[in-house]
């Protein structure tokens, strides 16, 4: 199973240098990293990233995260993946930019093609 993290490209560059992603300011304040399932991505982008650019979609193999990955109720009672430790880069399958065209987000074609 794959889960997804939306990150600012600048933050991700730091993660690559350090070998793990410790999360956004919001993640650190909440005590866990926020992820989405594929079907939750559009809602997450609309709610938390409207008007932003320079975003990446990070595809993660959930099985590599172990017991610190929890699926917990969040928006409208839907279960969202939350990781209670830094994201090890070894669990990352791929990263792709999220395009913004006329103010609308366009997820990577790799996701639509079954690559996530």
PDB file of N, CA and C in Angstrom:
ATOM      1  N   UNK A   1       0.846  -1.182   0.000  1.00  0.00           N
ATOM      2  CA  UNK A   1       0.000   0.000   0.000  1.00  0.00           C
ATOM      3  C   UNK A   1       0.887   1.240   0.000  1.00  0.00           C
ATOM      4  N   UNK A   2       0.480   2.223  -0.794  1.00  0.00           N
ATOM      5  CA  UNK A   2       1.207   3.482  -0.849  1.00  0.00           C
ATOM      6  C   UNK A   2       0.409   4.589  -0.167  1.00  0.00           C
ATOM      7  N   UNK A   3       1.132   5.446   0.520  1.00  0.00           N
ATOM      8  CA  UNK A   3       0.562   6.650   1.100  1.00  0.00           C
ATOM      9  C   UNK A   3       1.368   7.823   0.561  1.00  0.00           C
ATOM     10  N   UNK A   4       0.848   9.039   0.756  1.00  0.00           N
ATOM     11  CA  UNK A   4       1.447  10.192   0.094  1.00  0.00           C
ATOM     12  C   UNK A   4       1.633  11.358   1.053  1.00  0.00           C
ATOM     13  N   UNK A   5       2.753  12.041   0.868  1.00  0.00           N
ATOM     14  CA  UNK A   5       3.071  13.231   1.635  1.00  0.00           C
ATOM     15  C   UNK A   5       3.239  14.376   0.651  1.00  0.00           C
ATOM     16  N   UNK A   6       2.571  15.480   0.927  1.00  0.00           N
ATOM     17  CA  UNK A   6       2.739  16.700   0.130  1.00  0.00           C
ATOM     18  C   UNK A   6       3.749  17.563   0.862  1.00  0.00           C
ATOM     19  N   UNK A   7       4.813  17.926   0.183  1.00  0.00           N
ATOM     20  CA  UNK A   7       5.879  18.706   0.825  1.00  0.00           C
ATOM     21  C   UNK A   7       6.299  19.867  -0.076  1.00  0.00           C
ATOM     22  N   UNK A   8       6.827  20.889   0.555  1.00  0.00           N
ATOM     23  CA  UNK A   8       7.443  21.986  -0.187  1.00  0.00           C
ATOM     24  C   UNK A   8       8.804  21.499  -0.678  1.00  0.00           C
ATOM     25  N   UNK A   9       9.124  21.784  -1.923  1.00  0.00           N
ATOM     26  CA  UNK A   9      10.368  21.299  -2.520  1.00  0.00           C
ATOM     27  C   UNK A   9      11.586  21.707  -1.687  1.00  0.00           C
ATOM     28  N   UNK A  10      11.570  22.893  -1.124  1.00  0.00           N
ATOM     29  CA  UNK A  10      12.700  23.371  -0.320  1.00  0.00           C
ATOM     30  C   UNK A  10      12.872  22.489   0.919  1.00  0.00           C
ATOM     31  N   UNK A  11      11.765  22.124   1.570  1.00  0.00           N
ATOM     32  CA  UNK A  11      11.842  21.239   2.736  1.00  0.00           C
ATOM     33  C   UNK A  11      12.379  19.871   2.346  1.00  0.00           C
ATOM     34  N   UNK A  12      11.937  19.376   1.203  1.00  0.00           N
ATOM     35  CA  UNK A  12      12.360  18.044   0.769  1.00  0.00           C
ATOM     36  C   UNK A  12      13.854  18.021   0.472  1.00  0.00           C
ATOM     37  N   UNK A  13      14.385  19.089  -0.073  1.00  0.00           N
ATOM     38  CA  UNK A  13      15.824  19.164  -0.347  1.00  0.00           C
ATOM     39  C   UNK A  13      16.607  18.970   0.949  1.00  0.00           C
ATOM     40  N   UNK A  14      16.124  19.539   2.041  1.00  0.00           N
ATOM     41  CA  UNK A  14      16.775  19.347   3.331  1.00  0.00           C
ATOM     42  C   UNK A  14      16.707  17.904   3.788  1.00  0.00           C
ATOM     43  N   UNK A  15      15.572  17.252   3.559  1.00  0.00           N
ATOM     44  CA  UNK A  15      15.418  15.851   3.941  1.00  0.00           C
ATOM     45  C   UNK A  15      16.408  14.973   3.191  1.00  0.00           C
ATOM     46  N   UNK A  16      16.602  15.250   1.920  1.00  0.00           N
ATOM     47  CA  UNK A  16      17.534  14.466   1.118  1.00  0.00           C
ATOM     48  C   UNK A  16      18.950  14.611   1.682  1.00  0.00           C
ATOM     49  N   UNK A  17      19.308  15.820   2.096  1.00  0.00           N
ATOM     50  CA  UNK A  17      20.637  16.041   2.684  1.00  0.00           C
ATOM     51  C   UNK A  17      20.809  15.277   3.996  1.00  0.00           C
ATOM     52  N   UNK A  18      19.758  15.207   4.811  1.00  0.00           N
ATOM     53  CA  UNK A  18      19.857  14.611   6.142  1.00  0.00           C
ATOM     54  C   UNK A  18      19.466  13.136   6.198  1.00  0.00           C
ATOM     55  N   UNK A  19      18.884  12.605   5.129  1.00  0.00           N
ATOM     56  CA  UNK A  19      18.555  11.189   5.090  1.00  0.00           C
ATOM     57  C   UNK A  19      17.196  10.822   5.656  1.00  0.00           C
ATOM     58  N   UNK A  20      16.443  11.814   6.141  1.00  0.00           N
ATOM     59  CA  UNK A  20      15.087  11.561   6.605  1.00  0.00           C
ATOM     60  C   UNK A  20      14.316  12.878   6.580  1.00  0.00           C
ATOM     61  N   UNK A  21      12.996  12.756   6.581  1.00  0.00           N
ATOM     62  CA  UNK A  21      12.133  13.939   6.589  1.00  0.00           C
ATOM     63  C   UNK A  21      11.481  14.030   7.957  1.00  0.00           C
ATOM     64  N   UNK A  22      11.740  15.129   8.657  1.00  0.00           N
ATOM     65  CA  UNK A  22      11.235  15.307  10.024  1.00  0.00           C
ATOM     66  C   UNK A  22       9.904  16.039  10.059  1.00  0.00           C
ATOM     67  N   UNK A  23       9.383  16.410   8.904  1.00  0.00           N
ATOM     68  CA  UNK A  23       8.062  17.004   8.837  1.00  0.00           C
ATOM     69  C   UNK A  23       8.066  18.505   8.712  1.00  0.00           C
ATOM     70  N   UNK A  24       6.882  19.006   8.366  1.00  0.00           N
ATOM     71  CA  UNK A  24       6.664  20.445   8.256  1.00  0.00           C
ATOM     72  C   UNK A  24       6.514  21.033   9.661  1.00  0.00           C
ATOM     73  N   UNK A  25       6.400  22.325   9.723  1.00  0.00           N
ATOM     74  CA  UNK A  25       6.159  22.982  11.011  1.00  0.00           C
ATOM     75  C   UNK A  25       4.875  22.447  11.652  1.00  0.00           C
ATOM     76  N   UNK A  26       3.825  22.269  10.839  1.00  0.00           N
ATOM     77  CA  UNK A  26       2.548  21.731  11.341  1.00  0.00           C
ATOM     78  C   UNK A  26       2.719  20.304  11.845  1.00  0.00           C
ATOM     79  N   UNK A  27       3.442  19.477  11.095  1.00  0.00           N
ATOM     80  CA  UNK A  27       3.690  18.101  11.530  1.00  0.00           C
ATOM     81  C   UNK A  27       4.368  18.092  12.904  1.00  0.00           C
ATOM     82  N   UNK A  28       5.419  18.880  13.031  1.00  0.00           N
ATOM     83  CA  UNK A  28       6.160  18.903  14.295  1.00  0.00           C
ATOM     84  C   UNK A  28       5.282  19.407  15.443  1.00  0.00           C
ATOM     85  N   UNK A  29       4.431  20.399  15.171  1.00  0.00           N
ATOM     86  CA  UNK A  29       3.531  20.918  16.208  1.00  0.00           C
ATOM     87  C   UNK A  29       2.508  19.854  16.631  1.00  0.00           C
ATOM     88  N   UNK A  30       2.049  19.041  15.682  1.00  0.00           N
ATOM     89  CA  UNK A  30       1.041  18.015  15.971  1.00  0.00           C
ATOM     90  C   UNK A  30       1.650  16.734  16.548  1.00  0.00           C
ATOM     91  N   UNK A  31       2.967  16.549  16.401  1.00  0.00           N
ATOM     92  CA  UNK A  31       3.627  15.371  16.950  1.00  0.00           C
ATOM     93  C   UNK A  31       3.641  14.169  16.030  1.00  0.00           C
ATOM     94  N   UNK A  32       3.250  14.359  14.770  1.00  0.00           N
ATOM     95  CA  UNK A  32       3.290  13.275  13.791  1.00  0.00           C
ATOM     96  C   UNK A  32       3.300  13.873  12.392  1.00  0.00           C
ATOM     97  N   UNK A  33       3.709  13.056  11.409  1.00  0.00           N
ATOM     98  CA  UNK A  33       3.686  13.473  10.015  1.00  0.00           C
ATOM     99  C   UNK A  33       2.332  13.124   9.416  1.00  0.00           C
ATOM    100  N   UNK A  34       1.713  14.096   8.768  1.00  0.00           N
ATOM    101  CA  UNK A  34       0.423  13.923   8.105  1.00  0.00           C
ATOM    102  C   UNK A  34       0.645  13.346   6.703  1.00  0.00           C
ATOM    103  N   UNK A  35      -0.071  12.292   6.384  1.00  0.00           N
ATOM    104  CA  UNK A  35      -0.056  11.693   5.054  1.00  0.00           C
ATOM    105  C   UNK A  35      -1.491  11.621   4.548  1.00  0.00           C
ATOM    106  N   UNK A  36      -1.634  11.280   3.286  1.00  0.00           N
ATOM    107  CA  UNK A  36      -2.944  11.056   2.680  1.00  0.00           C
ATOM    108  C   UNK A  36      -2.900   9.766   1.882  1.00  0.00           C
ATOM    109  N   UNK A  37      -4.068   9.133   1.772  1.00  0.00           N
ATOM    110  CA  UNK A  37      -4.221   8.053   0.810  1.00  0.00           C
ATOM    111  C   UNK A  37      -4.481   8.718  -0.541  1.00  0.00           C
ATOM    112  N   UNK A  38      -4.336   7.990  -1.627  1.00  0.00           N
ATOM    113  CA  UNK A  38      -4.481   8.563  -2.968  1.00  0.00           C
ATOM    114  C   UNK A  38      -5.802   9.302  -3.134  1.00  0.00           C
ATOM    115  N   UNK A  39      -6.893   8.705  -2.652  1.00  0.00           N
ATOM    116  CA  UNK A  39      -8.208   9.305  -2.839  1.00  0.00           C
ATOM    117  C   UNK A  39      -8.425  10.547  -1.964  1.00  0.00           C
ATOM    118  N   UNK A  40      -7.529  10.808  -1.033  1.00  0.00           N
ATOM    119  CA  UNK A  40      -7.643  11.971  -0.153  1.00  0.00           C
ATOM    120  C   UNK A  40      -6.818  13.167  -0.618  1.00  0.00           C
ATOM    121  N   UNK A  41      -5.996  12.972  -1.623  1.00  0.00           N
ATOM    122  CA  UNK A  41      -5.040  14.014  -2.022  1.00  0.00           C
ATOM    123  C   UNK A  41      -5.697  15.310  -2.481  1.00  0.00           C
ATOM    124  N   UNK A  42      -6.714  15.232  -3.318  1.00  0.00           N
ATOM    125  CA  UNK A  42      -7.344  16.464  -3.811  1.00  0.00           C
ATOM    126  C   UNK A  42      -7.932  17.281  -2.660  1.00  0.00           C
ATOM    127  N   UNK A  43      -8.575  16.615  -1.713  1.00  0.00           N
ATOM    128  CA  UNK A  43      -9.131  17.311  -0.564  1.00  0.00           C
ATOM    129  C   UNK A  43      -8.059  17.943   0.306  1.00  0.00           C
ATOM    130  N   UNK A  44      -6.950  17.237   0.495  1.00  0.00           N
ATOM    131  CA  UNK A  44      -5.844  17.769   1.291  1.00  0.00           C
ATOM    132  C   UNK A  44      -5.236  18.984   0.609  1.00  0.00           C
ATOM    133  N   UNK A  45      -5.024  18.904  -0.679  1.00  0.00           N
ATOM    134  CA  UNK A  45      -4.484  20.061  -1.413  1.00  0.00           C
ATOM    135  C   UNK A  45      -5.415  21.259  -1.309  1.00  0.00           C
ATOM    136  N   UNK A  46      -6.701  21.035  -1.504  1.00  0.00           N
ATOM    137  CA  UNK A  46      -7.672  22.131  -1.470  1.00  0.00           C
ATOM    138  C   UNK A  46      -7.744  22.773  -0.084  1.00  0.00           C
ATOM    139  N   UNK A  47      -7.674  21.963   0.952  1.00  0.00           N
ATOM    140  CA  UNK A  47      -7.838  22.488   2.315  1.00  0.00           C
ATOM    141  C   UNK A  47      -6.576  23.155   2.857  1.00  0.00           C
ATOM    142  N   UNK A  48      -5.416  22.578   2.567  1.00  0.00           N
ATOM    143  CA  UNK A  48      -4.188  23.031   3.228  1.00  0.00           C
ATOM    144  C   UNK A  48      -3.165  23.718   2.324  1.00  0.00           C
ATOM    145  N   UNK A  49      -3.324  23.639   1.010  1.00  0.00           N
ATOM    146  CA  UNK A  49      -2.272  24.140   0.122  1.00  0.00           C
ATOM    147  C   UNK A  49      -2.772  25.115  -0.938  1.00  0.00           C
ATOM    148  N   UNK A  50      -3.998  25.563  -0.841  1.00  0.00           N
ATOM    149  CA  UNK A  50      -4.567  26.480  -1.836  1.00  0.00           C
ATOM    150  C   UNK A  50      -3.654  27.697  -2.022  1.00  0.00           C
ATOM    151  N   UNK A  51      -3.390  28.030  -3.277  1.00  0.00           N
ATOM    152  CA  UNK A  51      -2.578  29.196  -3.608  1.00  0.00           C
ATOM    153  C   UNK A  51      -1.078  28.967  -3.513  1.00  0.00           C
ATOM    154  N   UNK A  52      -0.658  27.777  -3.168  1.00  0.00           N
ATOM    155  CA  UNK A  52       0.777  27.488  -3.040  1.00  0.00           C
ATOM    156  C   UNK A  52       1.310  26.842  -4.310  1.00  0.00           C
ATOM    157  N   UNK A  53       2.602  26.975  -4.488  1.00  0.00           N
ATOM    158  CA  UNK A  53       3.295  26.301  -5.586  1.00  0.00           C
ATOM    159  C   UNK A  53       4.605  25.753  -5.029  1.00  0.00           C
ATOM    160  N   UNK A  54       5.380  25.109  -5.879  1.00  0.00           N
ATOM    161  CA  UNK A  54       6.638  24.527  -5.429  1.00  0.00           C
ATOM    162  C   UNK A  54       6.443  23.313  -4.536  1.00  0.00           C
ATOM    163  N   UNK A  55       5.381  22.549  -4.815  1.00  0.00           N
ATOM    164  CA  UNK A  55       5.062  21.372  -4.008  1.00  0.00           C
ATOM    165  C   UNK A  55       5.490  20.088  -4.710  1.00  0.00           C
ATOM    166  N   UNK A  56       5.836  19.103  -3.902  1.00  0.00           N
ATOM    167  CA  UNK A  56       6.158  17.770  -4.398  1.00  0.00           C
ATOM    168  C   UNK A  56       5.195  16.769  -3.799  1.00  0.00           C
ATOM    169  N   UNK A  57       4.937  15.720  -4.547  1.00  0.00           N
ATOM    170  CA  UNK A  57       4.191  14.589  -4.031  1.00  0.00           C
ATOM    171  C   UNK A  57       5.196  13.468  -3.781  1.00  0.00           C
ATOM    172  N   UNK A  58       5.226  12.986  -2.547  1.00  0.00           N
ATOM    173  CA  UNK A  58       6.144  11.924  -2.152  1.00  0.00           C
ATOM    174  C   UNK A  58       5.331  10.648  -1.948  1.00  0.00           C
ATOM    175  N   UNK A  59       5.646   9.625  -2.701  1.00  0.00           N
ATOM    176  CA  UNK A  59       4.974   8.332  -2.611  1.00  0.00           C
ATOM    177  C   UNK A  59       5.784   7.432  -1.679  1.00  0.00           C
ATOM    178  N   UNK A  60       5.112   6.880  -0.671  1.00  0.00           N
ATOM    179  CA  UNK A  60       5.777   6.103   0.365  1.00  0.00           C
ATOM    180  C   UNK A  60       5.168   4.706   0.450  1.00  0.00           C
ATOM    181  N   UNK A  61       6.019   3.705   0.595  1.00  0.00           N
ATOM    182  CA  UNK A  61       5.585   2.333   0.816  1.00  0.00           C
ATOM    183  C   UNK A  61       5.231   2.202   2.301  1.00  0.00           C
ATOM    184  N   UNK A  62       3.950   2.158   2.601  1.00  0.00           N
ATOM    185  CA  UNK A  62       3.479   2.141   3.990  1.00  0.00           C
ATOM    186  C   UNK A  62       4.002   0.933   4.763  1.00  0.00           C
ATOM    187  N   UNK A  63       4.202  -0.181   4.094  1.00  0.00           N
ATOM    188  CA  UNK A  63       4.670  -1.394   4.781  1.00  0.00           C
ATOM    189  C   UNK A  63       6.065  -1.224   5.366  1.00  0.00           C
ATOM    190  N   UNK A  64       6.843  -0.304   4.843  1.00  0.00           N
ATOM    191  CA  UNK A  64       8.207  -0.090   5.347  1.00  0.00           C
ATOM    192  C   UNK A  64       8.251   0.784   6.598  1.00  0.00           C
ATOM    193  N   UNK A  65       7.100   1.266   7.046  1.00  0.00           N
ATOM    194  CA  UNK A  65       7.085   2.205   8.167  1.00  0.00           C
ATOM    195  C   UNK A  65       6.815   1.554   9.518  1.00  0.00           C
ATOM    196  N   UNK A  66       6.326   0.346   9.518  1.00  0.00           N
ATOM    197  CA  UNK A  66       6.133  -0.378  10.766  1.00  0.00           C
ATOM    198  C   UNK A  66       4.985   0.134  11.607  1.00  0.00           C
ATOM    199  N   UNK A  67       5.067  -0.162  12.893  1.00  0.00           N
ATOM    200  CA  UNK A  67       3.956   0.094  13.806  1.00  0.00           C
ATOM    201  C   UNK A  67       3.780   1.561  14.178  1.00  0.00           C
ATOM    202  N   UNK A  68       4.704   2.420  13.802  1.00  0.00           N
ATOM    203  CA  UNK A  68       4.566   3.846  14.108  1.00  0.00           C
ATOM    204  C   UNK A  68       3.654   4.563  13.108  1.00  0.00           C
ATOM    205  N   UNK A  69       3.180   3.839  12.087  1.00  0.00           N
ATOM    206  CA  UNK A  69       2.182   4.374  11.167  1.00  0.00           C
ATOM    207  C   UNK A  69       0.805   3.986  11.679  1.00  0.00           C
ATOM    208  N   UNK A  70      -0.030   4.990  11.912  1.00  0.00           N
ATOM    209  CA  UNK A  70      -1.382   4.774  12.427  1.00  0.00           C
ATOM    210  C   UNK A  70      -2.384   5.401  11.467  1.00  0.00           C
ATOM    211  N   UNK A  71      -3.522   4.759  11.292  1.00  0.00           N
ATOM    212  CA  UNK A  71      -4.617   5.332  10.514  1.00  0.00           C
ATOM    213  C   UNK A  71      -5.636   5.848  11.512  1.00  0.00           C
ATOM    214  N   UNK A  72      -5.788   7.175  11.543  1.00  0.00           N
ATOM    215  CA  UNK A  72      -6.597   7.811  12.570  1.00  0.00           C
ATOM    216  C   UNK A  72      -7.647   8.719  11.949  1.00  0.00           C
ATOM    217  N   UNK A  73      -8.778   8.824  12.632  1.00  0.00           N
ATOM    218  CA  UNK A  73      -9.875   9.664  12.153  1.00  0.00           C
ATOM    219  C   UNK A  73      -9.448  11.118  12.121  1.00  0.00           C
ATOM    220  N   UNK A  74      -9.806  11.779  11.041  1.00  0.00           N
ATOM    221  CA  UNK A  74      -9.499  13.193  10.881  1.00  0.00           C
ATOM    222  C   UNK A  74     -10.675  13.838  10.167  1.00  0.00           C
ATOM    223  N   UNK A  75     -10.409  14.516   9.059  1.00  0.00           N
ATOM    224  CA  UNK A  75     -11.433  15.261   8.322  1.00  0.00           C
ATOM    225  C   UNK A  75     -12.658  14.395   8.027  1.00  0.00           C
ATOM    226  N   UNK A  76     -13.806  14.828   8.518  1.00  0.00           N
ATOM    227  CA  UNK A  76     -15.083  14.141   8.303  1.00  0.00           C
ATOM    228  C   UNK A  76     -15.071  12.682   8.761  1.00  0.00           C
ATOM    229  N   UNK A  77     -14.223  12.357   9.740  1.00  0.00           N
ATOM    230  CA  UNK A  77     -14.146  11.002  10.258  1.00  0.00           C
ATOM    231  C   UNK A  77     -13.366  10.041   9.385  1.00  0.00           C
ATOM    232  N   UNK A  78     -12.851  10.520   8.261  1.00  0.00           N
ATOM    233  CA  UNK A  78     -12.071   9.674   7.359  1.00  0.00           C
ATOM    234  C   UNK A  78     -10.748   9.317   8.032  1.00  0.00           C
ATOM    235  N   UNK A  79     -10.262   8.100   7.780  1.00  0.00           N
ATOM    236  CA  UNK A  79      -8.996   7.665   8.354  1.00  0.00           C
ATOM    237  C   UNK A  79      -7.832   8.150   7.504  1.00  0.00           C
ATOM    238  N   UNK A  80      -6.912   8.869   8.154  1.00  0.00           N
ATOM    239  CA  UNK A  80      -5.717   9.379   7.489  1.00  0.00           C
ATOM    240  C   UNK A  80      -4.485   8.727   8.101  1.00  0.00           C
ATOM    241  N   UNK A  81      -3.455   8.466   7.281  1.00  0.00           N
ATOM    242  CA  UNK A  81      -2.216   7.902   7.809  1.00  0.00           C
ATOM    243  C   UNK A  81      -1.408   8.978   8.544  1.00  0.00           C
ATOM    244  N   UNK A  82      -0.959   8.638   9.750  1.00  0.00           N
ATOM    245  CA  UNK A  82      -0.117   9.511  10.564  1.00  0.00           C
ATOM    246  C   UNK A  82       1.112   8.713  10.983  1.00  0.00           C
ATOM    247  N   UNK A  83       2.287   9.296  10.798  1.00  0.00           N
ATOM    248  CA  UNK A  83       3.543   8.626  11.141  1.00  0.00           C
ATOM    249  C   UNK A  83       4.168   9.308  12.347  1.00  0.00           C
ATOM    250  N   UNK A  84       4.424   8.525  13.385  1.00  0.00           N
ATOM    251  CA  UNK A  84       4.938   9.052  14.645  1.00  0.00           C
ATOM    252  C   UNK A  84       6.453   8.909  14.761  1.00  0.00           C
ATOM    253  N   UNK A  85       7.137   9.103  13.679  1.00  0.00           N
ATOM    254  CA  UNK A  85       8.596   9.164  13.648  1.00  0.00           C
ATOM    255  C   UNK A  85       8.999   9.841  12.341  1.00  0.00           C
ATOM    256  N   UNK A  86      10.261  10.271  12.209  1.00  0.00           N
ATOM    257  CA  UNK A  86      10.679  10.857  10.927  1.00  0.00           C
ATOM    258  C   UNK A  86      10.538   9.839   9.787  1.00  0.00           C
ATOM    259  N   UNK A  87      10.271  10.346   8.617  1.00  0.00           N
ATOM    260  CA  UNK A  87      10.128   9.491   7.437  1.00  0.00           C
ATOM    261  C   UNK A  87      11.501   9.082   6.919  1.00  0.00           C
ATOM    262  N   UNK A  88      11.829   7.779   6.969  1.00  0.00           N
ATOM    263  CA  UNK A  88      13.110   7.337   6.406  1.00  0.00           C
ATOM    264  C   UNK A  88      13.037   7.353   4.875  1.00  0.00           C
ATOM    265  N   UNK A  89      14.056   7.880   4.248  1.00  0.00           N
ATOM    266  CA  UNK A  89      14.040   7.973   2.788  1.00  0.00           C
ATOM    267  C   UNK A  89      14.018   6.600   2.125  1.00  0.00           C
ATOM    268  N   UNK A  90      14.425   5.559   2.828  1.00  0.00           N
ATOM    269  CA  UNK A  90      14.380   4.204   2.274  1.00  0.00           C
ATOM    270  C   UNK A  90      12.945   3.748   1.993  1.00  0.00           C
ATOM    271  N   UNK A  91      11.958   4.378   2.620  1.00  0.00           N
ATOM    272  CA  UNK A  91      10.556   4.017   2.394  1.00  0.00           C
ATOM    273  C   UNK A  91       9.940   4.755   1.209  1.00  0.00           C
ATOM    274  N   UNK A  92      10.654   5.713   0.641  1.00  0.00           N
ATOM    275  CA  UNK A  92      10.127   6.532  -0.450  1.00  0.00           C
ATOM    276  C   UNK A  92      10.275   5.800  -1.776  1.00  0.00           C
ATOM    277  N   UNK A  93       9.153   5.707  -2.487  1.00  0.00           N
ATOM    278  CA  UNK A  93       9.152   5.037  -3.790  1.00  0.00           C
ATOM    279  C   UNK A  93       9.510   6.008  -4.914  1.00  0.00           C
ATOM    280  N   UNK A  94       8.932   7.225  -4.848  1.00  0.00           N
ATOM    281  CA  UNK A  94       9.212   8.254  -5.847  1.00  0.00           C
ATOM    282  C   UNK A  94       8.742   9.616  -5.344  1.00  0.00           C
ATOM    283  N   UNK A  95       9.265  10.652  -5.979  1.00  0.00           N
ATOM    284  CA  UNK A  95       8.797  12.023  -5.729  1.00  0.00           C
ATOM    285  C   UNK A  95       8.579  12.678  -7.092  1.00  0.00           C
ATOM    286  N   UNK A  96       7.529  13.460  -7.190  1.00  0.00           N
ATOM    287  CA  UNK A  96       7.214  14.176  -8.432  1.00  0.00           C
ATOM    288  C   UNK A  96       6.626  15.536  -8.086  1.00  0.00           C
ATOM    289  N   UNK A  97       6.884  16.542  -8.910  1.00  0.00           N
ATOM    290  CA  UNK A  97       6.263  17.850  -8.676  1.00  0.00           C
ATOM    291  C   UNK A  97       4.748  17.803  -8.870  1.00  0.00           C
ATOM    292  N   UNK A  98       4.055  18.634  -8.111  1.00  0.00           N
ATOM    293  CA  UNK A  98       2.621  18.828  -8.291  1.00  0.00           C
ATOM    294  C   UNK A  98       2.451  20.102  -9.109  1.00  0.00           C
ATOM    295  N   UNK A  99       1.938  19.964 -10.306  1.00  0.00           N
ATOM    296  CA  UNK A  99       1.784  21.116 -11.202  1.00  0.00           C
ATOM    297  C   UNK A  99       0.592  21.967 -10.762  1.00  0.00           C
ATOM    298  N   UNK A 100       0.710  23.252 -11.003  1.00  0.00           N
ATOM    299  CA  UNK A 100      -0.397  24.180 -10.767  1.00  0.00           C
ATOM    300  C   UNK A 100      -0.646  24.902 -12.094  1.00  0.00           C
ATOM    301  N   UNK A 101      -1.852  24.731 -12.636  1.00  0.00           N
ATOM    302  CA  UNK A 101      -2.230  25.362 -13.896  1.00  0.00           C
ATOM    303  C   UNK A 101      -3.523  26.138 -13.660  1.00  0.00           C
ATOM    304  N   UNK A 102      -3.464  27.435 -13.902  1.00  0.00           N
ATOM    305  CA  UNK A 102      -4.626  28.307 -13.685  1.00  0.00           C
ATOM    306  C   UNK A 102      -5.208  28.133 -12.280  1.00  0.00           C
ATOM    307  N   UNK A 103      -4.315  27.991 -11.302  1.00  0.00           N
ATOM    308  CA  UNK A 103      -4.737  27.881  -9.913  1.00  0.00           C
ATOM    309  C   UNK A 103      -5.230  26.508  -9.486  1.00  0.00           C
ATOM    310  N   UNK A 104      -5.217  25.543 -10.403  1.00  0.00           N
ATOM    311  CA  UNK A 104      -5.683  24.184 -10.107  1.00  0.00           C
ATOM    312  C   UNK A 104      -4.492  23.239  -9.985  1.00  0.00           C
ATOM    313  N   UNK A 105      -4.548  22.351  -8.989  1.00  0.00           N
ATOM    314  CA  UNK A 105      -3.501  21.349  -8.813  1.00  0.00           C
ATOM    315  C   UNK A 105      -3.705  20.195  -9.783  1.00  0.00           C
ATOM    316  N   UNK A 106      -2.585  19.710 -10.331  1.00  0.00           N
ATOM    317  CA  UNK A 106      -2.598  18.544 -11.204  1.00  0.00           C
ATOM    318  C   UNK A 106      -1.590  17.548 -10.656  1.00  0.00           C
ATOM    319  N   UNK A 107      -2.113  16.412 -10.194  1.00  0.00           N
ATOM    320  CA  UNK A 107      -1.253  15.402  -9.611  1.00  0.00           C
ATOM    321  C   UNK A 107      -0.415  14.729 -10.690  1.00  0.00           C
ATOM    322  N   UNK A 108       0.740  14.191 -10.301  1.00  0.00           N
ATOM    323  CA  UNK A 108       1.618  13.541 -11.292  1.00  0.00           C
ATOM    324  C   UNK A 108       0.926  12.416 -12.026  1.00  0.00           C
ATOM    325  N   UNK A 109       1.243  12.289 -13.301  1.00  0.00           N
ATOM    326  CA  UNK A 109       0.651  11.231 -14.139  1.00  0.00           C
ATOM    327  C   UNK A 109       1.009   9.853 -13.600  1.00  0.00           C
ATOM    328  N   UNK A 110       2.139   9.747 -12.936  1.00  0.00           N
ATOM    329  CA  UNK A 110       2.554   8.473 -12.366  1.00  0.00           C
ATOM    330  C   UNK A 110       1.510   7.940 -11.395  1.00  0.00           C
ATOM    331  N   UNK A 111       0.851   8.821 -10.662  1.00  0.00           N
ATOM    332  CA  UNK A 111      -0.193   8.422  -9.718  1.00  0.00           C
ATOM    333  C   UNK A 111      -1.404   7.859 -10.466  1.00  0.00           C
ATOM    334  N   UNK A 112      -1.835   8.556 -11.500  1.00  0.00           N
ATOM    335  CA  UNK A 112      -2.989   8.107 -12.278  1.00  0.00           C
ATOM    336  C   UNK A 112      -2.716   6.810 -13.035  1.00  0.00           C
ATOM    337  N   UNK A 113      -1.439   6.573 -13.374  1.00  0.00           N
ATOM    338  CA  UNK A 113      -1.083   5.389 -14.129  1.00  0.00           C
ATOM    339  C   UNK A 113      -0.896   4.158 -13.247  1.00  0.00           C
ATOM    340  N   UNK A 114      -1.252   4.283 -11.962  1.00  0.00           N
ATOM    341  CA  UNK A 114      -1.118   3.139 -11.062  1.00  0.00           C
ATOM    342  C   UNK A 114       0.217   3.079 -10.376  1.00  0.00           C
ATOM    343  N   UNK A 115       1.025   4.127 -10.481  1.00  0.00           N
ATOM    344  CA  UNK A 115       2.327   4.147  -9.830  1.00  0.00           C
ATOM    345  C   UNK A 115       2.246   4.582  -8.391  1.00  0.00           C
ATOM    346  N   UNK A 116       1.093   4.496  -7.802  1.00  0.00           N
ATOM    347  CA  UNK A 116       0.952   4.902  -6.415  1.00  0.00           C
ATOM    348  C   UNK A 116      -0.215   4.233  -5.866  1.00  0.00           C
TER     349      UNK A 116
END
